[in-house]
Amino acid sequence: MGASDKARQDFDVIDVDGDGYITASELLKEFVKNNPKVSDDNIVAIIQMADDDGDQRISYEEYAKFVK
């Protein structure tokens, strides 16, 4: 499995509703699985870092660029 395949697989796991975007609530649900103490501020900061177009959600392209 290549890096882009892994990124797509990970993105699809986080994008629970399958709309092609990761929202703050979807990201929070995924992070809480591994770190129940993650804060909303942490999630907002991650969204802001990865969200190139400022729409408050992360597209696959933004995600792939962010995790690269």
C-alpha atoms as a PDB file:
ATOM      1  CA  MET A   1       0.000   0.000   0.000  1.00  0.00           C
ATOM      2  CA  GLY A   2       1.441   3.346  -1.044  1.00  0.00           C
ATOM      3  CA  ALA A   3       1.425   6.514   1.033  1.00  0.00           C
ATOM      4  CA  SER A   4      -1.454   7.978  -0.961  1.00  0.00           C
ATOM      5  CA  ASP A   5      -3.493   4.776  -0.489  1.00  0.00           C
ATOM      6  CA  LYS A   6      -2.892   4.935   3.269  1.00  0.00           C
ATOM      7  CA  ALA A   7      -3.844   8.617   3.352  1.00  0.00           C
ATOM      8  CA  ARG A   8      -7.076   7.865   1.464  1.00  0.00           C
ATOM      9  CA  GLN A   9      -7.895   4.955   3.758  1.00  0.00           C
ATOM     10  CA  ASP A  10      -7.274   7.057   6.886  1.00  0.00           C
ATOM     11  CA  PHE A  11      -9.284   9.962   5.464  1.00  0.00           C
ATOM     12  CA  ASP A  12     -12.235   7.696   4.707  1.00  0.00           C
ATOM     13  CA  VAL A  13     -12.204   6.327   8.276  1.00  0.00           C
ATOM     14  CA  ILE A  14     -12.364   9.843   9.733  1.00  0.00           C
ATOM     15  CA  ASP A  15     -14.951  11.082   7.188  1.00  0.00           C
ATOM     16  CA  VAL A  16     -17.753   9.166   8.875  1.00  0.00           C
ATOM     17  CA  ASP A  17     -20.611  10.664   6.877  1.00  0.00           C
ATOM     18  CA  GLY A  18     -18.793  10.144   3.580  1.00  0.00           C
ATOM     19  CA  ASP A  19     -19.356  13.676   2.298  1.00  0.00           C
ATOM     20  CA  GLY A  20     -15.730  14.096   1.237  1.00  0.00           C
ATOM     21  CA  TYR A  21     -14.774  16.418   4.077  1.00  0.00           C
ATOM     22  CA  ILE A  22     -13.505  16.008   7.619  1.00  0.00           C
ATOM     23  CA  THR A  23     -15.309  18.288  10.041  1.00  0.00           C
ATOM     24  CA  ALA A  24     -14.243  19.251  13.540  1.00  0.00           C
ATOM     25  CA  SER A  25     -16.773  16.841  15.074  1.00  0.00           C
ATOM     26  CA  GLU A  26     -15.557  13.929  12.928  1.00  0.00           C
ATOM     27  CA  LEU A  27     -11.945  14.714  13.800  1.00  0.00           C
ATOM     28  CA  LEU A  28     -12.786  14.970  17.499  1.00  0.00           C
ATOM     29  CA  LYS A  29     -14.504  11.562  17.463  1.00  0.00           C
ATOM     30  CA  GLU A  30     -11.411   9.968  15.904  1.00  0.00           C
ATOM     31  CA  PHE A  31      -8.955  11.659  18.266  1.00  0.00           C
ATOM     32  CA  VAL A  32     -10.986  10.766  21.376  1.00  0.00           C
ATOM     33  CA  LYS A  33     -10.554   7.074  20.523  1.00  0.00           C
ATOM     34  CA  ASN A  34      -6.821   7.370  21.231  1.00  0.00           C
ATOM     35  CA  ASN A  35      -6.714  10.364  23.554  1.00  0.00           C
ATOM     36  CA  PRO A  36      -9.874  11.035  25.584  1.00  0.00           C
ATOM     37  CA  LYS A  37      -8.342  14.229  26.958  1.00  0.00           C
ATOM     38  CA  VAL A  38      -8.031  15.964  23.581  1.00  0.00           C
ATOM     39  CA  SER A  39      -9.595  19.406  23.748  1.00  0.00           C
ATOM     40  CA  ASP A  40     -11.836  21.257  21.348  1.00  0.00           C
ATOM     41  CA  ASP A  41      -9.052  23.848  21.055  1.00  0.00           C
ATOM     42  CA  ASN A  42      -6.672  21.147  19.797  1.00  0.00           C
ATOM     43  CA  ILE A  43      -9.177  20.102  17.146  1.00  0.00           C
ATOM     44  CA  VAL A  44      -9.791  23.695  16.059  1.00  0.00           C
ATOM     45  CA  ALA A  45      -6.026  24.236  15.759  1.00  0.00           C
ATOM     46  CA  ILE A  46      -5.633  21.138  13.574  1.00  0.00           C
ATOM     47  CA  ILE A  47      -8.516  22.188  11.339  1.00  0.00           C
ATOM     48  CA  GLN A  48      -7.001  25.659  10.961  1.00  0.00           C
ATOM     49  CA  MET A  49      -3.575  24.243  10.086  1.00  0.00           C
ATOM     50  CA  ALA A  50      -4.908  21.838   7.456  1.00  0.00           C
ATOM     51  CA  ASP A  51      -7.746  23.943   6.027  1.00  0.00           C
ATOM     52  CA  ASP A  52      -6.186  25.796   3.100  1.00  0.00           C
ATOM     53  CA  ASP A  53      -9.402  27.315   1.739  1.00  0.00           C
ATOM     54  CA  GLY A  54     -10.859  28.468   5.085  1.00  0.00           C
ATOM     55  CA  ASP A  55     -14.149  26.555   4.881  1.00  0.00           C
ATOM     56  CA  GLN A  56     -13.700  25.043   8.371  1.00  0.00           C
ATOM     57  CA  ARG A  57     -13.423  21.498   7.049  1.00  0.00           C
ATOM     58  CA  ILE A  58     -10.681  19.388   5.514  1.00  0.00           C
ATOM     59  CA  SER A  59     -10.971  18.004   1.994  1.00  0.00           C
ATOM     60  CA  TYR A  60      -9.031  14.916   0.961  1.00  0.00           C
ATOM     61  CA  GLU A  61      -6.508  17.077  -0.912  1.00  0.00           C
ATOM     62  CA  GLU A  62      -5.928  19.219   2.182  1.00  0.00           C
ATOM     63  CA  TYR A  63      -5.646  16.105   4.337  1.00  0.00           C
ATOM     64  CA  ALA A  64      -3.126  14.416   2.039  1.00  0.00           C
ATOM     65  CA  LYS A  65      -1.014  17.570   1.949  1.00  0.00           C
ATOM     66  CA  PHE A  66      -1.226  17.957   5.754  1.00  0.00           C
ATOM     67  CA  VAL A  67      -0.188  14.393   6.618  1.00  0.00           C
ATOM     68  CA  LYS A  68       2.556  14.243   3.998  1.00  0.00           C
END
